[in-house]
Amino acid sequence: MILLLFSCILIIPVLAGWGKIMECIFGAVYDGISGKIIFGILGLSLIWTVSAFLMPVNIYMEVPVILAGLFFFFRNKQYGYFYHFSKKDTVLLSGISLIILYCSSFYPYLLDHFGYYVPTIQWLTEYGLVKGISNLELTLGQMSVWHIFQAGFSGFSDPFLRINAVLLIIYTLYIFEKKSWIQLCFLPVLLLFSQSPSPDLPVITLSLIMLQEIISGNKNTSLLFAFSIFVFAIKPTMIWLPVLAFLYSVFIVKSGFKSLIFGTTILFLFFIKNIWTFGYPVFPVSIADLGVPWKPDPGILQTSSQFAIQKTFDMQYSYEAIQKFSFGDYIKNWLTLKGIKSKINILFIISIILFSVFTFVKKKKILSLICISLLIKSVLVLVFSAQYRFFIDIFFVIFFVLFLPYLNKKRSVFIFTSGALVLIFILSFPAFIQQYVPSFKPGNFMAGFQKKQVCKPSVYQYKKYDTFQVGNLRFNVSKNYPFSFDSPPPSVSKESILQDLNAGIFPQCIDPKNIKKGFIRKKLSPHEKMEVENIIHNIKNTDKQN
């Protein structure tokens, strides 16, 4: 907690300083210190994304960024904004921040932390954006902008990868600046994402900030649209936000085409980044094929698509069984899954219906635009992969809009306090949720409180791996563990090796002397196929011995 506090004290002023630089170029998205800080997040994310094409996002980038940010923070006396809060608000802000630091200091428990977040950041800090890296591990083709941002501070500012904790404190600053008290109710849920650099937290918090600005009548449509595209670039399932910002710009503010230029530029950068790492403009969809030689094998993409369909049904049905579903079976089985997932799915459908009826009754233009945006997102999610994690943000939006007039500061603080106490209990004593909500799978990986986290956040270290070679690719595979979070790159999971073997291909270096030049897929020769089979055999034997 103590080291995490120091990280926040360092990073927040740096972001505010860079936000001031961005405001000098593009203007302010809204007044206040939180506006400068989130503009700093956007600015540094874009700078580091462009830089990552050429070089690693490591400490050599981090140091000058920190020095420049601190210089502008103190030169422009931005610390003065923190004196604008009343004494009561300062005490409450400090209390909430301590809760955030405490909850963020626990061990990471989201499986994506080990299979996706950490490996991505490792690649970014050692090599930057690598062409065709999805051929090595398909999930690495995402290279979320949020992980690029996290990589930029992972040298010494935030070596524990707790940038989400920093963001939650920034989000709390926004709540108090704008007196948008209803958003305090969201903090207990968002604290579940604070132990890892999960993209879910930034897209939810930033989208709620943009939604508040739109509802309150912010006329700076250029920056509202730019931030909405930035949120989309972090996680494309947030398509509803740029749709809403676009509709708001056209039908309410009636802005011209110029207001879309900044956001469109960010969108093009997002497409270029994806084409470079994945081969297609939007991960993991194989649309707009440009024919680049480093795109993934069609068989691997098909396997990924089939897996996504199975995840829609919480892996409770085989892909073959799902293919035989009628439309009625598809809906019925999705709504009657075993465990908590079916309840979430039912609540999702009910929420969308109730919100549509509410919008029709109120007959307000802004509500209609929000409803249209959410319906577009809902249809896309239901068509591609109706996993609850892809539509959880809709619950936040609907709750925000419906209860905005009714939740004042006192009620919101009460809800936050109650929710935070429950969450602290669950994180500190995870056996409770493991016993009473066994279908909440992340709960099985919570480790509970340990004294050492008072000083520094808890992190896992493994560093057990074997090294193999196929063709010109020398790679590492984690011993007796499915993910490669602690193996030096290039590392490949056992599951990816099996998928490559089944597809009859294997990744190869474009230039074995320079990994930065990227990877392509190569059809396995009979001899190479035997080599891969022997590797799988060795991995299985190692797993059995352990």
Protein backbone atom coordinates (compact mmCIF):
# COMPACT_ATOMS: atom_id res chain seq x y z
CA MET A 1 0.00 0.00 0.00
CA ILE A 2 2.77 2.41 0.93
CA LEU A 3 4.70 1.94 -2.33
CA LEU A 4 1.43 2.12 -4.26
CA LEU A 5 0.68 5.45 -2.56
CA PHE A 6 4.07 6.77 -3.70
CA SER A 7 3.27 5.63 -7.26
CA CYS A 8 0.03 7.61 -7.19
CA ILE A 9 1.74 10.70 -5.76
CA LEU A 10 4.23 10.58 -8.64
CA ILE A 11 2.03 9.55 -11.57
CA ILE A 12 -0.98 11.83 -10.99
CA PRO A 13 1.04 15.11 -11.19
CA VAL A 14 2.89 13.77 -14.25
CA LEU A 15 -0.43 13.11 -15.99
CA ALA A 16 -1.73 16.53 -14.98
CA GLY A 17 1.38 18.14 -16.46
CA TRP A 18 0.97 16.32 -19.75
CA GLY A 19 -2.73 17.15 -19.72
CA LYS A 20 -1.79 20.82 -19.57
CA ILE A 21 0.42 20.31 -22.63
CA MET A 22 -2.49 18.68 -24.47
CA GLU A 23 -4.84 21.50 -23.46
CA CYS A 24 -2.45 24.06 -24.93
CA ILE A 25 -2.80 22.25 -28.28
CA PHE A 26 -6.41 21.03 -28.34
CA GLY A 27 -8.21 22.98 -25.61
CA ALA A 28 -9.80 21.57 -22.45
CA VAL A 29 -12.33 18.76 -22.46
CA TYR A 30 -13.76 20.28 -19.24
CA ASP A 31 -12.48 22.44 -16.37
CA GLY A 32 -10.75 20.96 -13.35
CA ILE A 33 -7.70 18.92 -12.40
CA SER A 34 -9.31 15.59 -13.36
CA GLY A 35 -9.88 16.92 -16.88
CA LYS A 36 -6.18 17.66 -17.24
CA ILE A 37 -5.24 14.26 -15.82
CA ILE A 38 -7.43 12.22 -18.17
CA PHE A 39 -6.21 14.34 -21.09
CA GLY A 40 -2.70 13.42 -19.98
CA ILE A 41 -3.71 9.75 -20.10
CA LEU A 42 -4.96 10.14 -23.66
CA GLY A 43 -1.93 12.15 -24.77
CA LEU A 44 0.67 9.77 -23.33
CA SER A 45 -1.20 6.73 -24.63
CA LEU A 46 -1.08 8.13 -28.16
CA ILE A 47 2.58 9.20 -27.88
CA TRP A 48 3.66 5.81 -26.54
CA THR A 49 1.57 3.93 -29.12
CA VAL A 50 3.28 5.75 -31.99
CA SER A 51 6.69 5.34 -30.35
CA ALA A 52 6.12 1.60 -29.79
CA PHE A 53 6.26 0.99 -33.55
CA LEU A 54 9.91 2.05 -33.43
CA MET A 55 11.24 1.19 -29.98
CA PRO A 56 10.40 -0.46 -26.65
CA VAL A 57 8.17 1.40 -24.22
CA ASN A 58 10.64 1.18 -21.35
CA ILE A 59 12.41 3.25 -18.71
CA TYR A 60 14.24 5.28 -21.36
CA MET A 61 10.86 6.66 -22.43
CA GLU A 62 9.50 6.82 -18.90
CA VAL A 63 12.15 9.09 -17.37
CA PRO A 64 11.85 12.05 -19.80
CA VAL A 65 8.05 11.77 -19.70
CA ILE A 66 8.05 11.99 -15.90
CA LEU A 67 10.45 14.92 -15.85
CA ALA A 68 8.47 16.85 -18.47
CA GLY A 69 5.16 16.13 -16.73
CA LEU A 70 6.42 17.27 -13.34
CA PHE A 71 7.95 20.40 -14.89
CA PHE A 72 4.65 21.54 -16.41
CA PHE A 73 2.71 20.52 -13.28
CA PHE A 74 4.76 22.77 -11.03
CA ARG A 75 5.41 25.53 -13.58
CA ASN A 76 1.67 26.01 -14.07
CA LYS A 77 0.96 25.60 -10.34
CA GLN A 78 -1.62 22.92 -10.96
CA TYR A 79 -1.32 21.75 -7.37
CA GLY A 80 -3.56 24.71 -6.59
CA TYR A 81 -6.57 22.75 -7.90
CA PHE A 82 -6.32 20.36 -4.95
CA TYR A 83 -7.00 23.25 -2.55
CA HIS A 84 -10.44 23.78 -4.10
CA PHE A 85 -11.93 20.82 -2.24
CA SER A 86 -13.61 21.54 1.10
CA LYS A 87 -12.20 20.02 4.29
CA LYS A 88 -15.05 17.52 4.51
CA ASP A 89 -14.57 16.45 0.89
CA THR A 90 -10.81 16.18 1.41
CA VAL A 91 -11.32 13.84 4.36
CA LEU A 92 -13.81 11.73 2.38
CA LEU A 93 -11.54 11.71 -0.66
CA SER A 94 -8.63 10.54 1.48
CA GLY A 95 -10.73 7.77 3.02
CA ILE A 96 -11.90 6.51 -0.37
CA SER A 97 -8.33 6.65 -1.68
CA LEU A 98 -7.12 4.51 1.22
CA ILE A 99 -9.81 1.94 0.44
CA ILE A 100 -8.70 1.94 -3.20
CA LEU A 101 -5.06 1.45 -2.19
CA TYR A 102 -5.98 -1.37 0.19
CA CYS A 103 -8.12 -3.26 -2.33
CA SER A 104 -5.54 -2.75 -5.08
CA SER A 105 -2.73 -4.25 -2.99
CA PHE A 106 -4.09 -7.82 -3.15
CA TYR A 107 -2.71 -10.51 -5.44
CA PRO A 108 -4.08 -10.39 -9.01
CA TYR A 109 -6.72 -13.05 -9.55
CA LEU A 110 -8.08 -12.42 -13.07
CA LEU A 111 -6.75 -15.17 -15.36
CA ASP A 112 -6.27 -12.66 -18.17
CA HIS A 113 -3.63 -11.02 -15.96
CA PHE A 114 -1.40 -14.05 -16.44
CA GLY A 115 -2.37 -15.09 -19.95
CA TYR A 116 -2.72 -11.69 -21.60
CA TYR A 117 -1.97 -8.53 -19.59
CA VAL A 118 1.51 -9.30 -18.23
CA PRO A 119 2.84 -11.04 -21.40
CA THR A 120 1.64 -8.07 -23.47
CA ILE A 121 3.40 -5.58 -21.20
CA GLN A 122 6.58 -7.70 -21.24
CA TRP A 123 6.66 -7.55 -25.04
CA LEU A 124 6.00 -3.82 -25.08
CA THR A 125 8.75 -3.03 -22.57
CA GLU A 126 11.31 -5.24 -24.31
CA TYR A 127 10.45 -4.81 -28.00
CA GLY A 128 7.51 -2.43 -28.50
CA LEU A 129 4.82 -3.30 -31.03
CA VAL A 130 5.95 -6.41 -32.91
CA LYS A 131 4.67 -7.13 -36.40
CA GLY A 132 2.56 -10.29 -36.63
CA ILE A 133 2.92 -11.16 -32.95
CA SER A 134 -0.52 -12.81 -33.10
CA ASN A 135 1.19 -15.66 -34.96
CA LEU A 136 3.10 -16.42 -31.78
CA GLU A 137 0.12 -16.07 -29.41
CA LEU A 138 -3.20 -14.96 -30.86
CA THR A 139 -4.20 -13.00 -27.74
CA LEU A 140 -1.06 -10.88 -28.02
CA GLY A 141 -2.45 -9.45 -31.26
CA GLN A 142 -4.77 -7.24 -29.18
CA MET A 143 -1.97 -5.09 -27.70
CA SER A 144 -4.52 -2.86 -25.99
CA VAL A 145 -3.72 0.84 -25.82
CA TRP A 146 -4.24 0.56 -22.07
CA HIS A 147 -1.38 -1.92 -21.79
CA ILE A 148 0.81 0.39 -23.83
CA PHE A 149 -0.03 3.11 -21.31
CA GLN A 150 0.72 0.75 -18.39
CA ALA A 151 4.00 -0.31 -19.99
CA GLY A 152 5.10 3.31 -20.09
CA PHE A 153 4.96 3.55 -16.29
CA SER A 154 6.15 0.03 -15.46
CA GLY A 155 9.87 0.83 -15.26
CA PHE A 156 10.02 2.39 -11.80
CA SER A 157 6.86 4.51 -11.39
CA ASP A 158 4.52 1.51 -11.24
CA PRO A 159 6.51 -1.76 -11.36
CA PHE A 160 3.62 -3.60 -9.70
CA LEU A 161 1.27 -2.89 -12.64
CA ARG A 162 -1.38 -1.13 -10.55
CA ILE A 163 -2.19 1.72 -12.95
CA ASN A 164 -5.88 0.89 -12.45
CA ALA A 165 -5.58 1.93 -8.81
CA VAL A 166 -4.22 5.28 -9.95
CA LEU A 167 -7.11 5.63 -12.38
CA LEU A 168 -9.68 4.90 -9.66
CA ILE A 169 -8.29 7.74 -7.55
CA ILE A 170 -8.45 10.02 -10.61
CA TYR A 171 -12.05 8.90 -11.17
CA THR A 172 -12.84 9.75 -7.55
CA LEU A 173 -11.37 13.23 -8.08
CA TYR A 174 -13.74 13.68 -11.03
CA ILE A 175 -16.72 12.58 -8.92
CA PHE A 176 -15.95 15.19 -6.27
CA GLU A 177 -15.10 17.94 -8.76
CA LYS A 178 -18.33 17.47 -10.69
CA LYS A 179 -20.34 16.43 -7.63
CA SER A 180 -21.59 13.46 -9.64
CA TRP A 181 -22.27 11.52 -6.46
CA ILE A 182 -24.13 8.66 -8.09
CA GLN A 183 -20.83 7.46 -9.50
CA LEU A 184 -19.60 6.68 -5.99
CA CYS A 185 -22.00 3.72 -6.14
CA PHE A 186 -19.90 2.17 -8.92
CA LEU A 187 -16.61 2.20 -7.04
CA PRO A 188 -17.13 -1.03 -5.01
CA VAL A 189 -17.66 -3.01 -8.23
CA LEU A 190 -14.79 -1.30 -10.02
CA LEU A 191 -12.45 -2.17 -7.15
CA LEU A 192 -12.63 -5.76 -8.39
CA PHE A 193 -10.53 -4.66 -11.40
CA SER A 194 -7.92 -2.69 -9.47
CA GLN A 195 -5.35 -5.46 -8.86
CA SER A 196 -4.55 -5.88 -12.57
CA PRO A 197 -4.16 -3.57 -15.59
CA SER A 198 -7.54 -4.78 -16.85
CA PRO A 199 -8.88 -2.69 -19.76
CA ASP A 200 -12.39 -3.12 -18.35
CA LEU A 201 -11.82 -0.53 -15.63
CA PRO A 202 -10.60 2.36 -17.82
CA VAL A 203 -13.32 1.85 -20.42
CA ILE A 204 -16.05 1.86 -17.77
CA THR A 205 -14.73 4.86 -15.83
CA LEU A 206 -13.87 6.97 -18.88
CA SER A 207 -17.18 6.13 -20.59
CA LEU A 208 -19.10 7.20 -17.48
CA ILE A 209 -17.14 10.45 -17.38
CA MET A 210 -17.96 11.12 -21.04
CA LEU A 211 -21.60 10.16 -20.45
CA GLN A 212 -21.80 12.66 -17.56
CA GLU A 213 -20.31 15.37 -19.77
CA ILE A 214 -22.75 14.63 -22.60
CA ILE A 215 -25.77 14.63 -20.30
CA SER A 216 -24.61 17.87 -18.66
CA GLY A 217 -24.43 19.55 -22.09
CA ASN A 218 -20.68 19.78 -22.73
CA LYS A 219 -20.36 21.37 -26.19
CA ASN A 220 -16.75 20.38 -26.88
CA THR A 221 -17.78 17.63 -29.28
CA SER A 222 -14.33 17.35 -30.83
CA LEU A 223 -12.76 16.15 -27.59
CA LEU A 224 -15.82 14.18 -26.49
CA PHE A 225 -15.66 12.23 -29.75
CA ALA A 226 -11.87 11.85 -29.45
CA PHE A 227 -12.15 10.43 -25.94
CA SER A 228 -14.97 8.10 -27.04
CA ILE A 229 -12.76 6.74 -29.82
CA PHE A 230 -9.92 6.40 -27.31
CA VAL A 231 -12.20 4.27 -25.11
CA PHE A 232 -13.14 2.20 -28.17
CA ALA A 233 -9.43 1.76 -28.97
CA ILE A 234 -8.85 0.39 -25.46
CA LYS A 235 -11.69 -2.11 -25.88
CA PRO A 236 -13.80 -2.25 -29.08
CA THR A 237 -16.82 -3.71 -27.26
CA MET A 238 -17.42 -0.11 -26.10
CA ILE A 239 -18.76 0.76 -29.56
CA TRP A 240 -21.83 2.41 -27.99
CA LEU A 241 -19.79 5.38 -26.72
CA PRO A 242 -18.41 6.65 -30.06
CA VAL A 243 -21.85 6.05 -31.58
CA LEU A 244 -23.41 8.19 -28.83
CA ALA A 245 -20.75 10.91 -29.15
CA PHE A 246 -21.26 11.01 -32.92
CA LEU A 247 -25.07 11.19 -32.63
CA TYR A 248 -24.78 13.86 -29.91
CA SER A 249 -22.47 15.91 -32.10
CA VAL A 250 -24.74 15.68 -35.16
CA PHE A 251 -28.26 15.87 -33.73
CA ILE A 252 -27.92 17.97 -30.57
CA VAL A 253 -24.84 20.20 -30.80
CA LYS A 254 -24.95 20.13 -34.63
CA SER A 255 -21.17 20.34 -34.96
CA GLY A 256 -19.41 20.28 -38.29
CA PHE A 257 -17.07 17.70 -39.78
CA LYS A 258 -14.04 19.33 -38.14
CA SER A 259 -15.19 18.08 -34.73
CA LEU A 260 -14.56 14.50 -35.90
CA ILE A 261 -10.99 14.96 -37.14
CA PHE A 262 -9.13 14.31 -33.87
CA GLY A 263 -11.21 11.24 -33.06
CA THR A 264 -10.90 9.89 -36.60
CA THR A 265 -7.12 10.24 -36.38
CA ILE A 266 -7.11 8.15 -33.20
CA LEU A 267 -9.30 5.57 -34.95
CA PHE A 268 -6.86 5.29 -37.86
CA LEU A 269 -3.97 4.83 -35.42
CA PHE A 270 -5.98 2.05 -33.74
CA PHE A 271 -6.51 0.32 -37.10
CA ILE A 272 -2.84 0.63 -38.07
CA LYS A 273 -1.74 -0.75 -34.70
CA ASN A 274 -4.02 -3.77 -35.09
CA ILE A 275 -2.97 -4.43 -38.68
CA TRP A 276 0.66 -4.32 -37.54
CA THR A 277 0.23 -6.79 -34.67
CA PHE A 278 -2.79 -8.84 -35.82
CA GLY A 279 -3.11 -8.41 -39.57
CA TYR A 280 -6.67 -7.04 -39.54
CA PRO A 281 -8.11 -3.67 -38.41
CA VAL A 282 -10.15 -4.94 -35.44
CA PHE A 283 -9.08 -7.79 -33.17
CA PRO A 284 -10.17 -10.64 -33.28
CA VAL A 285 -12.42 -10.21 -36.32
CA SER A 286 -10.95 -11.18 -39.69
CA ILE A 287 -12.69 -8.48 -41.74
CA ALA A 288 -11.13 -6.01 -44.19
CA ASP A 289 -8.42 -8.43 -45.29
CA LEU A 290 -5.51 -6.39 -46.64
CA GLY A 291 -3.52 -9.49 -47.54
CA VAL A 292 -0.56 -8.72 -45.28
CA PRO A 293 1.80 -11.73 -45.07
CA TRP A 294 1.87 -11.75 -41.25
CA LYS A 295 -1.88 -12.27 -40.70
CA PRO A 296 -2.82 -15.32 -38.57
CA ASP A 297 -3.72 -18.70 -40.02
CA PRO A 298 -7.44 -18.99 -40.90
CA GLY A 299 -7.63 -22.27 -38.96
CA ILE A 300 -6.40 -20.55 -35.78
CA LEU A 301 -8.96 -17.77 -36.22
CA GLN A 302 -11.72 -20.32 -36.74
CA THR A 303 -10.71 -22.15 -33.56
CA SER A 304 -10.78 -18.83 -31.69
CA SER A 305 -14.23 -18.06 -33.07
CA GLN A 306 -15.52 -21.46 -32.00
CA PHE A 307 -14.08 -20.94 -28.53
CA ALA A 308 -15.82 -17.54 -28.28
CA ILE A 309 -19.14 -19.20 -29.13
CA GLN A 310 -18.54 -21.79 -26.41
CA LYS A 311 -17.70 -19.01 -23.95
CA THR A 312 -21.09 -17.49 -24.76
CA PHE A 313 -22.54 -20.56 -23.07
CA ASP A 314 -19.91 -20.59 -20.29
CA MET A 315 -18.25 -23.70 -21.83
CA GLN A 316 -21.28 -25.76 -20.76
CA TYR A 317 -21.90 -27.02 -24.32
CA SER A 318 -19.57 -28.31 -27.01
CA TYR A 319 -19.25 -26.33 -30.24
CA GLU A 320 -20.87 -29.20 -32.16
CA ALA A 321 -23.87 -29.18 -29.79
CA ILE A 322 -24.28 -25.41 -30.12
CA GLN A 323 -24.29 -25.70 -33.91
CA LYS A 324 -27.35 -27.94 -33.66
CA PHE A 325 -29.30 -25.41 -31.57
CA SER A 326 -32.39 -23.90 -33.11
CA PHE A 327 -32.88 -20.17 -32.58
CA GLY A 328 -35.23 -20.96 -29.68
CA ASP A 329 -32.72 -23.38 -28.15
CA TYR A 330 -29.99 -20.75 -28.47
CA ILE A 331 -31.99 -18.19 -26.49
CA LYS A 332 -33.35 -20.67 -23.94
CA ASN A 333 -30.00 -22.29 -23.19
CA TRP A 334 -28.29 -18.91 -22.92
CA LEU A 335 -30.86 -17.74 -20.39
CA THR A 336 -30.77 -20.98 -18.37
CA LEU A 337 -27.04 -21.55 -17.94
CA LYS A 338 -25.95 -23.11 -14.67
CA GLY A 339 -24.67 -20.66 -12.09
CA ILE A 340 -24.60 -16.87 -11.86
CA LYS A 341 -24.12 -16.29 -15.62
CA SER A 342 -27.79 -17.01 -16.42
CA LYS A 343 -28.92 -14.46 -13.83
CA ILE A 344 -26.66 -11.83 -15.42
CA ASN A 345 -27.98 -12.67 -18.90
CA ILE A 346 -31.60 -12.40 -17.77
CA LEU A 347 -30.90 -9.12 -15.99
CA PHE A 348 -29.26 -7.82 -19.16
CA ILE A 349 -32.34 -8.52 -21.29
CA ILE A 350 -34.72 -7.09 -18.67
CA SER A 351 -32.55 -3.97 -18.30
CA ILE A 352 -32.50 -3.29 -22.04
CA ILE A 353 -36.27 -3.72 -22.30
CA LEU A 354 -37.02 -1.51 -19.27
CA PHE A 355 -34.62 1.18 -20.46
CA SER A 356 -36.21 1.18 -23.92
CA VAL A 357 -39.66 1.61 -22.36
CA PHE A 358 -38.33 4.35 -20.06
CA THR A 359 -36.83 6.17 -23.05
CA PHE A 360 -40.08 5.92 -25.01
CA VAL A 361 -42.09 7.33 -22.09
CA LYS A 362 -39.71 10.23 -21.37
CA LYS A 363 -39.38 11.24 -25.04
CA LYS A 364 -36.13 13.15 -24.50
CA LYS A 365 -33.70 13.40 -27.39
CA ILE A 366 -30.55 12.66 -25.35
CA LEU A 367 -32.18 9.58 -23.77
CA SER A 368 -33.19 8.36 -27.23
CA LEU A 369 -29.62 8.70 -28.48
CA ILE A 370 -28.28 6.79 -25.46
CA CYS A 371 -30.87 4.06 -25.97
CA ILE A 372 -30.07 3.73 -29.69
CA SER A 373 -26.36 3.48 -28.90
CA LEU A 374 -26.90 0.77 -26.30
CA LEU A 375 -29.20 -1.19 -28.61
CA ILE A 376 -26.59 -1.13 -31.39
CA LYS A 377 -23.94 -2.40 -28.98
CA SER A 378 -26.30 -5.07 -27.58
CA VAL A 379 -27.15 -6.44 -31.01
CA LEU A 380 -23.47 -6.65 -31.98
CA VAL A 381 -22.57 -8.44 -28.75
CA LEU A 382 -25.45 -10.90 -29.08
CA VAL A 383 -24.45 -11.69 -32.66
CA PHE A 384 -20.70 -12.14 -32.13
CA SER A 385 -20.25 -13.46 -28.56
CA ALA A 386 -22.82 -12.80 -25.86
CA GLN A 387 -20.45 -13.14 -22.90
CA TYR A 388 -21.47 -11.16 -19.83
CA ARG A 389 -18.06 -9.43 -19.66
CA PHE A 390 -18.81 -7.82 -23.03
CA PHE A 391 -22.03 -6.13 -21.91
CA ILE A 392 -21.41 -5.48 -18.21
CA ASP A 393 -20.82 -1.77 -18.96
CA ILE A 394 -24.45 -1.46 -20.08
CA PHE A 395 -25.60 -2.04 -16.49
CA PHE A 396 -23.54 0.96 -15.33
CA VAL A 397 -25.02 3.22 -18.01
CA ILE A 398 -28.62 2.22 -17.37
CA PHE A 399 -28.21 2.55 -13.59
CA PHE A 400 -26.59 5.94 -14.05
CA VAL A 401 -29.36 7.32 -16.24
CA LEU A 402 -32.29 5.87 -14.28
CA PHE A 403 -31.13 6.79 -10.77
CA LEU A 404 -29.28 10.04 -11.44
CA PRO A 405 -32.14 12.22 -10.06
CA TYR A 406 -32.55 10.14 -6.88
CA LEU A 407 -29.07 9.49 -5.50
CA ASN A 408 -27.65 12.50 -3.66
CA LYS A 409 -24.32 12.66 -1.84
CA LYS A 410 -25.57 11.15 1.42
CA ARG A 411 -27.24 8.15 -0.23
CA SER A 412 -24.35 7.56 -2.59
CA VAL A 413 -21.77 7.64 0.22
CA PHE A 414 -23.90 5.13 2.14
CA ILE A 415 -24.11 2.77 -0.86
CA PHE A 416 -20.37 3.12 -1.49
CA THR A 417 -19.50 2.45 2.16
CA SER A 418 -21.75 -0.61 2.35
CA GLY A 419 -20.45 -2.01 -0.93
CA ALA A 420 -16.82 -1.29 -0.06
CA LEU A 421 -17.12 -3.09 3.28
CA VAL A 422 -18.58 -6.15 1.56
CA LEU A 423 -15.83 -6.13 -1.04
CA ILE A 424 -13.07 -5.68 1.56
CA PHE A 425 -14.48 -8.68 3.42
CA ILE A 426 -14.55 -10.79 0.24
CA LEU A 427 -11.00 -9.86 -0.76
CA SER A 428 -9.65 -10.37 2.75
CA PHE A 429 -11.52 -13.65 3.32
CA PRO A 430 -12.09 -15.14 -0.15
CA ALA A 431 -13.16 -18.53 1.23
CA PHE A 432 -16.59 -16.96 1.76
CA ILE A 433 -17.30 -16.30 -1.91
CA GLN A 434 -15.57 -19.55 -2.92
CA GLN A 435 -18.04 -21.44 -0.75
CA TYR A 436 -21.27 -19.54 -1.30
CA VAL A 437 -20.88 -18.38 -4.94
CA PRO A 438 -18.83 -21.19 -6.55
CA SER A 439 -19.96 -20.19 -10.05
CA PHE A 440 -18.05 -16.88 -9.62
CA LYS A 441 -14.86 -18.42 -10.99
CA PRO A 442 -12.46 -15.50 -10.30
CA GLY A 443 -13.22 -15.99 -6.59
CA ASN A 444 -11.34 -19.30 -6.70
CA PHE A 445 -8.11 -17.43 -7.44
CA MET A 446 -8.34 -14.82 -4.67
CA ALA A 447 -5.55 -15.29 -2.12
CA GLY A 448 -6.71 -13.25 0.88
CA PHE A 449 -4.90 -10.63 2.97
CA GLN A 450 -1.17 -10.87 3.74
CA LYS A 451 0.79 -8.53 6.01
CA LYS A 452 3.43 -7.74 3.38
CA GLN A 453 0.89 -5.96 1.17
CA VAL A 454 0.77 -3.11 3.69
CA CYS A 455 4.17 -2.13 2.31
CA LYS A 456 3.92 -3.19 -1.34
CA PRO A 457 1.25 -4.76 -3.56
CA SER A 458 1.30 -8.53 -3.78
CA VAL A 459 2.66 -9.98 -7.03
CA TYR A 460 3.27 -13.53 -8.19
CA GLN A 461 6.65 -14.79 -9.33
CA TYR A 462 7.13 -18.15 -11.02
CA LYS A 463 10.10 -18.08 -13.41
CA LYS A 464 9.98 -21.80 -14.25
CA TYR A 465 10.14 -22.61 -17.92
CA ASP A 466 11.69 -24.84 -20.57
CA THR A 467 13.23 -23.69 -23.83
CA PHE A 468 12.56 -25.33 -27.20
CA GLN A 469 13.22 -24.58 -30.86
CA VAL A 470 11.27 -25.22 -34.04
CA GLY A 471 12.81 -23.93 -37.26
CA ASN A 472 14.35 -20.54 -36.55
CA LEU A 473 12.14 -19.83 -33.52
CA ARG A 474 13.62 -20.44 -30.08
CA PHE A 475 10.89 -20.03 -27.47
CA ASN A 476 10.03 -20.63 -23.81
CA VAL A 477 7.16 -22.61 -22.31
CA SER A 478 6.09 -22.26 -18.69
CA LYS A 479 6.55 -25.42 -16.60
CA ASN A 480 3.39 -26.97 -15.19
CA TYR A 481 1.42 -23.77 -15.72
CA PRO A 482 -0.87 -22.87 -18.64
CA PHE A 483 0.17 -19.20 -18.96
CA SER A 484 3.46 -17.53 -19.82
CA PHE A 485 3.18 -14.48 -17.56
CA ASP A 486 6.62 -14.97 -15.99
CA SER A 487 8.56 -16.56 -18.85
CA PRO A 488 10.87 -14.27 -20.86
CA PRO A 489 9.69 -13.56 -24.41
CA PRO A 490 9.37 -15.11 -26.83
CA SER A 491 7.19 -17.48 -24.84
CA VAL A 492 4.34 -19.67 -26.05
CA SER A 493 1.60 -21.43 -24.09
CA LYS A 494 1.03 -25.16 -24.41
CA GLU A 495 -2.48 -24.49 -25.72
CA SER A 496 -1.13 -22.34 -28.57
CA ILE A 497 1.40 -25.03 -29.52
CA LEU A 498 -1.41 -27.59 -29.71
CA GLN A 499 -3.53 -25.29 -31.86
CA ASP A 500 -0.61 -24.66 -34.21
CA LEU A 501 0.06 -28.39 -34.46
CA ASN A 502 -3.59 -29.11 -35.30
CA ALA A 503 -3.53 -26.35 -37.93
CA GLY A 504 -0.29 -27.73 -39.39
CA ILE A 505 1.59 -24.45 -38.98
CA PHE A 506 4.07 -22.86 -36.58
CA PRO A 507 5.31 -19.30 -36.02
CA GLN A 508 8.72 -18.33 -37.36
CA CYS A 509 10.85 -15.22 -36.99
CA ILE A 510 10.97 -12.95 -40.02
CA ASP A 511 14.57 -12.29 -38.99
CA PRO A 512 15.96 -14.72 -36.36
CA LYS A 513 18.59 -12.13 -35.45
CA ASN A 514 16.02 -9.45 -34.70
CA ILE A 515 12.76 -10.46 -33.01
CA LYS A 516 11.49 -6.87 -33.35
CA LYS A 517 10.98 -7.51 -37.08
CA GLY A 518 8.14 -9.84 -36.20
CA PHE A 519 6.66 -13.24 -36.92
CA ILE A 520 4.95 -15.05 -39.78
CA ARG A 521 3.32 -18.46 -39.91
CA LYS A 522 4.99 -21.36 -41.75
CA LYS A 523 3.54 -24.68 -42.82
CA LEU A 524 5.11 -27.53 -40.86
CA SER A 525 7.25 -30.03 -42.73
CA PRO A 526 6.91 -33.71 -41.67
CA HIS A 527 10.15 -33.42 -39.69
CA GLU A 528 9.05 -30.18 -37.97
CA LYS A 529 5.68 -31.75 -37.16
CA MET A 530 7.50 -34.55 -35.33
CA GLU A 531 9.55 -31.95 -33.46
CA VAL A 532 6.41 -30.17 -32.27
CA GLU A 533 4.81 -33.48 -31.24
CA ASN A 534 7.92 -34.29 -29.20
CA ILE A 535 7.72 -30.86 -27.54
CA ILE A 536 4.09 -31.49 -26.57
CA HIS A 537 5.10 -34.91 -25.24
CA ASN A 538 7.90 -33.37 -23.16
CA ILE A 539 5.60 -30.69 -21.76
CA LYS A 540 3.00 -33.27 -20.73
CA ASN A 541 5.63 -35.43 -19.05
CA THR A 542 6.96 -32.39 -17.14
CA ASP A 543 3.42 -31.53 -16.01
CA LYS A 544 2.86 -35.10 -14.76
CA GLN A 545 6.11 -35.09 -12.79
CA ASN A 546 5.02 -31.93 -10.97
